């Protein structure tokens, strides 16, 4: 069998290493870099069924809120597009995060929703 190309290794095709596929919904900032995952970034405005199918993410990551958007809108759109995977919602430190997480789960349908607290500025 021929060796896997570097492209196949990065995309997880062939028999080489399999990488998690993460979609980072952002407002234009650059996606974080990872050595064990493929991270795709698109602005929320470009989210579509075609983009979800192209990326085929294991996890979708997005902020709880930005200047123009909040997680409820993103979750509603992901649900409408048929996404049923894992969502990590980036949040600042909150006094009762379990209440926010429970509310977001109401918007997420079959998605697995988890808050991820960060001290980084939120868009």
N, C-alpha and C. Protein backbone atom coordinates (compact mmCIF):
# COMPACT_ATOMS: atom_id res chain seq x y z
N UNK A 1 0.86 -1.18 0.00
CA UNK A 1 0.00 0.00 0.00
C UNK A 1 0.90 1.24 0.00
N UNK A 2 0.58 2.24 -0.83
CA UNK A 2 1.41 3.45 -0.87
C UNK A 2 1.27 4.23 0.43
N UNK A 3 2.32 4.98 0.79
CA UNK A 3 2.22 5.79 2.01
C UNK A 3 1.17 6.86 1.86
N UNK A 4 0.61 7.26 3.00
CA UNK A 4 -0.41 8.31 2.98
C UNK A 4 0.24 9.65 2.72
N UNK A 5 -0.41 10.46 1.93
CA UNK A 5 0.10 11.80 1.70
C UNK A 5 -0.13 12.63 2.96
N UNK A 6 0.61 13.74 3.02
CA UNK A 6 0.43 14.65 4.16
C UNK A 6 -1.00 15.15 4.23
N UNK A 7 -1.62 15.38 3.05
CA UNK A 7 -3.01 15.83 3.00
C UNK A 7 -3.94 14.78 3.60
N UNK A 8 -3.71 13.48 3.26
CA UNK A 8 -4.54 12.43 3.84
C UNK A 8 -4.38 12.36 5.34
N UNK A 9 -3.16 12.58 5.83
CA UNK A 9 -2.95 12.54 7.27
C UNK A 9 -3.71 13.67 7.95
N UNK A 10 -3.70 14.86 7.34
CA UNK A 10 -4.40 15.99 7.94
C UNK A 10 -5.91 15.82 7.91
N UNK A 11 -6.43 15.20 6.85
CA UNK A 11 -7.87 15.09 6.73
C UNK A 11 -8.43 13.84 7.36
N UNK A 12 -7.54 12.92 7.77
CA UNK A 12 -8.02 11.71 8.41
C UNK A 12 -8.45 10.65 7.43
N UNK A 13 -8.17 10.82 6.11
CA UNK A 13 -8.49 9.80 5.12
C UNK A 13 -7.39 8.75 5.12
N UNK A 14 -7.70 7.58 4.63
CA UNK A 14 -6.70 6.52 4.59
C UNK A 14 -6.63 5.83 5.93
N UNK A 15 -5.52 5.15 6.17
CA UNK A 15 -5.36 4.38 7.41
C UNK A 15 -4.51 5.11 8.43
N UNK A 16 -4.16 6.34 8.19
CA UNK A 16 -3.30 7.11 9.09
C UNK A 16 -4.07 7.63 10.29
N UNK A 17 -3.48 8.59 10.97
CA UNK A 17 -4.11 9.13 12.19
C UNK A 17 -5.47 9.76 11.90
N UNK A 18 -6.38 9.58 12.80
CA UNK A 18 -7.69 10.19 12.70
C UNK A 18 -7.72 11.43 13.60
N UNK A 19 -8.17 12.53 13.07
CA UNK A 19 -8.22 13.77 13.81
C UNK A 19 -9.67 14.13 14.12
N UNK A 20 -9.88 14.73 15.27
CA UNK A 20 -11.20 15.30 15.55
C UNK A 20 -11.41 16.45 14.59
N UNK A 21 -12.66 16.65 14.19
CA UNK A 21 -13.00 17.73 13.28
C UNK A 21 -13.83 18.75 14.05
N UNK A 22 -13.28 19.94 14.17
CA UNK A 22 -13.92 20.99 14.97
C UNK A 22 -14.27 22.16 14.06
N UNK A 23 -15.51 22.61 14.19
CA UNK A 23 -15.95 23.81 13.47
C UNK A 23 -16.03 24.93 14.48
N UNK A 24 -15.26 26.00 14.24
CA UNK A 24 -15.25 27.16 15.12
C UNK A 24 -16.03 28.26 14.44
N UNK A 25 -17.22 28.58 14.97
CA UNK A 25 -18.04 29.65 14.42
C UNK A 25 -17.56 30.95 15.04
N UNK A 26 -17.05 31.81 14.20
CA UNK A 26 -16.38 33.00 14.69
C UNK A 26 -16.87 34.23 13.96
N UNK A 27 -16.51 35.34 14.50
CA UNK A 27 -16.85 36.61 13.87
C UNK A 27 -15.71 37.15 13.03
N UNK A 28 -14.84 36.28 12.55
CA UNK A 28 -13.74 36.73 11.71
C UNK A 28 -12.38 36.51 12.33
N UNK A 29 -12.31 36.25 13.64
CA UNK A 29 -11.00 36.02 14.25
C UNK A 29 -10.45 34.68 13.80
N UNK A 30 -9.16 34.49 13.97
CA UNK A 30 -8.52 33.25 13.54
C UNK A 30 -8.85 32.11 14.50
N UNK A 31 -8.94 30.91 13.96
CA UNK A 31 -9.20 29.72 14.77
C UNK A 31 -7.94 29.34 15.53
N UNK A 32 -8.12 28.76 16.72
CA UNK A 32 -6.96 28.24 17.44
C UNK A 32 -6.33 27.09 16.65
N UNK A 33 -5.08 26.80 16.95
CA UNK A 33 -4.36 25.73 16.27
C UNK A 33 -4.23 24.54 17.21
N UNK A 34 -4.36 23.34 16.66
CA UNK A 34 -4.26 22.12 17.45
C UNK A 34 -3.46 21.09 16.67
N UNK A 35 -2.69 20.28 17.38
CA UNK A 35 -1.93 19.23 16.73
C UNK A 35 -2.72 17.93 16.62
N UNK A 36 -3.85 17.83 17.34
CA UNK A 36 -4.62 16.58 17.30
C UNK A 36 -6.03 16.76 16.76
N UNK A 37 -6.28 17.92 16.13
CA UNK A 37 -7.61 18.16 15.57
C UNK A 37 -7.50 19.03 14.33
N UNK A 38 -8.44 18.86 13.44
CA UNK A 38 -8.59 19.75 12.30
C UNK A 38 -9.61 20.80 12.69
N UNK A 39 -9.21 22.06 12.67
CA UNK A 39 -10.10 23.13 13.10
C UNK A 39 -10.44 23.99 11.89
N UNK A 40 -11.73 24.06 11.59
CA UNK A 40 -12.23 24.88 10.50
C UNK A 40 -12.92 26.08 11.11
N UNK A 41 -12.77 27.24 10.53
CA UNK A 41 -13.44 28.42 11.06
C UNK A 41 -14.22 29.10 9.94
N UNK A 42 -15.45 29.46 10.26
CA UNK A 42 -16.27 30.24 9.33
C UNK A 42 -17.07 31.25 10.16
N UNK A 43 -17.40 32.38 9.57
CA UNK A 43 -18.31 33.30 10.25
C UNK A 43 -19.70 32.67 10.34
N UNK A 44 -20.42 32.98 11.38
CA UNK A 44 -21.77 32.42 11.54
C UNK A 44 -22.64 32.71 10.33
N UNK A 45 -22.48 33.89 9.73
CA UNK A 45 -23.30 34.28 8.57
C UNK A 45 -23.12 33.32 7.39
N UNK A 46 -22.03 32.59 7.35
CA UNK A 46 -21.79 31.65 6.25
C UNK A 46 -22.18 30.22 6.60
N UNK A 47 -22.71 30.00 7.80
CA UNK A 47 -23.12 28.66 8.19
C UNK A 47 -24.29 28.20 7.32
N UNK A 48 -24.13 27.01 6.75
CA UNK A 48 -25.17 26.46 5.88
C UNK A 48 -25.10 24.94 5.95
N UNK A 49 -26.10 24.29 5.39
CA UNK A 49 -26.10 22.83 5.33
C UNK A 49 -24.90 22.34 4.54
N UNK A 50 -24.54 23.07 3.48
CA UNK A 50 -23.39 22.68 2.66
C UNK A 50 -22.10 22.77 3.45
N UNK A 51 -21.92 23.84 4.23
CA UNK A 51 -20.71 23.99 5.04
C UNK A 51 -20.64 22.90 6.11
N UNK A 52 -21.78 22.61 6.74
CA UNK A 52 -21.78 21.54 7.76
C UNK A 52 -21.41 20.20 7.13
N UNK A 53 -21.92 19.93 5.95
CA UNK A 53 -21.61 18.67 5.27
C UNK A 53 -20.14 18.63 4.85
N UNK A 54 -19.61 19.76 4.40
CA UNK A 54 -18.20 19.82 3.97
C UNK A 54 -17.26 19.57 5.13
N UNK A 55 -17.53 20.22 6.25
CA UNK A 55 -16.65 20.10 7.42
C UNK A 55 -16.92 18.81 8.18
N UNK A 56 -18.18 18.41 8.27
CA UNK A 56 -18.59 17.22 9.01
C UNK A 56 -17.99 17.21 10.42
N UNK A 57 -18.31 18.25 11.21
CA UNK A 57 -17.64 18.40 12.51
C UNK A 57 -18.10 17.40 13.56
N UNK A 58 -17.15 17.01 14.41
CA UNK A 58 -17.47 16.24 15.61
C UNK A 58 -17.98 17.19 16.69
N UNK A 59 -17.42 18.42 16.67
CA UNK A 59 -17.74 19.43 17.68
C UNK A 59 -17.84 20.79 17.00
N UNK A 60 -18.82 21.58 17.44
CA UNK A 60 -18.93 22.97 17.00
C UNK A 60 -18.66 23.84 18.22
N UNK A 61 -17.77 24.82 18.06
CA UNK A 61 -17.37 25.71 19.15
C UNK A 61 -17.79 27.13 18.79
N UNK A 62 -18.36 27.83 19.77
CA UNK A 62 -18.77 29.22 19.53
C UNK A 62 -18.94 29.92 20.88
N UNK A 63 -18.87 31.27 20.86
CA UNK A 63 -19.01 32.02 22.11
C UNK A 63 -20.47 32.09 22.57
N UNK A 64 -20.64 32.27 23.87
CA UNK A 64 -21.97 32.45 24.45
C UNK A 64 -22.65 33.68 23.85
N UNK A 65 -21.86 34.73 23.66
CA UNK A 65 -22.39 35.95 23.05
C UNK A 65 -21.25 36.74 22.41
N UNK A 66 -21.62 37.51 21.40
CA UNK A 66 -20.72 38.49 20.80
C UNK A 66 -21.50 39.78 20.71
N UNK A 67 -20.92 40.79 20.11
CA UNK A 67 -21.62 42.08 19.97
C UNK A 67 -22.90 41.94 19.15
N UNK A 68 -22.94 40.96 18.22
CA UNK A 68 -24.08 40.85 17.30
C UNK A 68 -24.89 39.57 17.43
N UNK A 69 -24.51 38.67 18.32
CA UNK A 69 -25.05 37.32 18.26
C UNK A 69 -24.98 36.67 19.63
N UNK A 70 -25.89 35.73 19.88
CA UNK A 70 -25.74 34.93 21.10
C UNK A 70 -25.95 33.45 20.79
N UNK A 71 -25.60 32.62 21.74
CA UNK A 71 -25.60 31.17 21.54
C UNK A 71 -26.98 30.62 21.20
N UNK A 72 -28.04 31.23 21.68
CA UNK A 72 -29.38 30.71 21.37
C UNK A 72 -29.67 30.77 19.88
N UNK A 73 -29.21 31.84 19.22
CA UNK A 73 -29.40 31.98 17.77
C UNK A 73 -28.59 30.91 17.04
N UNK A 74 -27.36 30.70 17.47
CA UNK A 74 -26.49 29.70 16.83
C UNK A 74 -27.07 28.31 17.02
N UNK A 75 -27.50 27.98 18.24
CA UNK A 75 -28.07 26.66 18.50
C UNK A 75 -29.35 26.43 17.69
N UNK A 76 -30.17 27.44 17.59
CA UNK A 76 -31.41 27.33 16.81
C UNK A 76 -31.09 27.03 15.34
N UNK A 77 -30.09 27.72 14.80
CA UNK A 77 -29.70 27.50 13.40
C UNK A 77 -29.08 26.11 13.22
N UNK A 78 -28.20 25.71 14.12
CA UNK A 78 -27.61 24.37 14.03
C UNK A 78 -28.68 23.29 14.07
N UNK A 79 -29.66 23.46 14.95
CA UNK A 79 -30.76 22.50 15.05
C UNK A 79 -31.56 22.46 13.74
N UNK A 80 -31.84 23.63 13.18
CA UNK A 80 -32.60 23.70 11.92
C UNK A 80 -31.83 23.03 10.77
N UNK A 81 -30.50 23.07 10.84
CA UNK A 81 -29.67 22.45 9.81
C UNK A 81 -29.45 20.96 10.05
N UNK A 82 -30.00 20.45 11.15
CA UNK A 82 -29.92 19.02 11.43
C UNK A 82 -28.68 18.56 12.17
N UNK A 83 -27.90 19.49 12.71
CA UNK A 83 -26.71 19.10 13.46
C UNK A 83 -27.13 18.43 14.77
N UNK A 84 -26.50 17.31 15.11
CA UNK A 84 -26.86 16.57 16.31
C UNK A 84 -25.64 16.23 17.16
N UNK A 85 -24.52 16.87 16.90
CA UNK A 85 -23.28 16.55 17.61
C UNK A 85 -23.07 17.36 18.87
N UNK A 86 -21.81 17.52 19.19
CA UNK A 86 -21.39 18.19 20.43
C UNK A 86 -21.16 19.67 20.17
N UNK A 87 -21.55 20.51 21.12
CA UNK A 87 -21.31 21.95 21.06
C UNK A 87 -20.57 22.37 22.31
N UNK A 88 -19.49 23.11 22.13
CA UNK A 88 -18.79 23.74 23.25
C UNK A 88 -19.05 25.22 23.15
N UNK A 89 -19.63 25.78 24.20
CA UNK A 89 -19.98 27.19 24.22
C UNK A 89 -18.98 27.91 25.12
N UNK A 90 -18.21 28.82 24.54
CA UNK A 90 -17.19 29.56 25.28
C UNK A 90 -17.85 30.67 26.09
N UNK A 91 -17.57 30.70 27.37
CA UNK A 91 -18.19 31.70 28.24
C UNK A 91 -17.16 32.35 29.15
N UNK A 92 -17.44 33.57 29.56
CA UNK A 92 -16.64 34.14 30.64
C UNK A 92 -17.07 33.44 31.94
N UNK A 93 -16.40 33.70 33.00
CA UNK A 93 -16.81 33.13 34.29
C UNK A 93 -18.21 33.64 34.63
N UNK A 94 -19.08 32.71 35.03
CA UNK A 94 -20.48 33.03 35.33
C UNK A 94 -20.79 32.60 36.76
N UNK A 95 -21.70 33.31 37.44
CA UNK A 95 -22.03 32.93 38.81
C UNK A 95 -22.76 31.59 38.92
N UNK A 96 -23.63 31.25 37.98
CA UNK A 96 -24.39 29.99 38.01
C UNK A 96 -24.41 29.38 36.61
N UNK A 97 -23.27 28.85 36.16
CA UNK A 97 -23.19 28.36 34.78
C UNK A 97 -24.15 27.22 34.48
N UNK A 98 -24.49 26.43 35.48
CA UNK A 98 -25.41 25.31 35.25
C UNK A 98 -26.79 25.79 34.78
N UNK A 99 -27.21 26.97 35.22
CA UNK A 99 -28.50 27.51 34.77
C UNK A 99 -28.45 27.91 33.29
N UNK A 100 -27.34 28.52 32.89
CA UNK A 100 -27.17 28.90 31.48
C UNK A 100 -27.10 27.65 30.62
N UNK A 101 -26.34 26.67 31.08
CA UNK A 101 -26.20 25.42 30.32
C UNK A 101 -27.55 24.74 30.15
N UNK A 102 -28.36 24.71 31.20
CA UNK A 102 -29.69 24.10 31.12
C UNK A 102 -30.58 24.85 30.12
N UNK A 103 -30.51 26.17 30.14
CA UNK A 103 -31.31 26.96 29.18
C UNK A 103 -30.87 26.67 27.75
N UNK A 104 -29.57 26.62 27.51
CA UNK A 104 -29.06 26.36 26.16
C UNK A 104 -29.47 24.98 25.67
N UNK A 105 -29.51 24.02 26.56
CA UNK A 105 -29.92 22.67 26.16
C UNK A 105 -31.36 22.66 25.63
N UNK A 106 -32.18 23.57 26.11
CA UNK A 106 -33.54 23.69 25.61
C UNK A 106 -33.59 24.11 24.15
N UNK A 107 -32.57 24.81 23.69
CA UNK A 107 -32.50 25.25 22.30
C UNK A 107 -31.83 24.21 21.41
N UNK A 108 -31.08 23.30 22.02
CA UNK A 108 -30.21 22.42 21.27
C UNK A 108 -30.78 21.10 20.80
N UNK A 109 -31.96 20.72 21.23
CA UNK A 109 -32.51 19.45 20.80
C UNK A 109 -31.60 18.29 21.16
N UNK A 110 -31.17 17.52 20.16
CA UNK A 110 -30.36 16.33 20.39
C UNK A 110 -28.87 16.64 20.56
N UNK A 111 -28.47 17.89 20.45
CA UNK A 111 -27.05 18.24 20.60
C UNK A 111 -26.60 18.09 22.05
N UNK A 112 -25.34 17.72 22.22
CA UNK A 112 -24.73 17.68 23.55
C UNK A 112 -24.06 19.03 23.76
N UNK A 113 -24.55 19.79 24.74
CA UNK A 113 -24.08 21.16 24.94
C UNK A 113 -23.32 21.25 26.25
N UNK A 114 -22.14 21.88 26.17
CA UNK A 114 -21.30 22.03 27.35
C UNK A 114 -20.69 23.43 27.34
N UNK A 115 -20.69 24.07 28.50
CA UNK A 115 -20.03 25.37 28.62
C UNK A 115 -18.54 25.15 28.87
N UNK A 116 -17.73 26.01 28.28
CA UNK A 116 -16.29 25.98 28.51
C UNK A 116 -15.89 27.38 28.94
N UNK A 117 -15.52 27.52 30.20
CA UNK A 117 -15.17 28.82 30.76
C UNK A 117 -13.77 29.22 30.32
N UNK A 118 -13.67 30.46 29.87
CA UNK A 118 -12.39 31.00 29.45
C UNK A 118 -12.24 32.43 29.97
N UNK A 119 -11.01 32.82 30.21
CA UNK A 119 -10.74 34.19 30.63
C UNK A 119 -10.44 35.09 29.43
N UNK A 120 -10.45 34.51 28.23
CA UNK A 120 -10.20 35.30 27.03
C UNK A 120 -11.37 36.24 26.78
N UNK A 121 -11.12 37.40 26.18
CA UNK A 121 -12.22 38.31 25.86
C UNK A 121 -13.21 37.67 24.91
N UNK A 122 -14.48 37.92 25.14
CA UNK A 122 -15.55 37.36 24.29
C UNK A 122 -15.97 38.39 23.26
N UNK A 123 -15.51 38.23 22.02
CA UNK A 123 -15.88 39.04 20.86
C UNK A 123 -16.56 40.28 21.19
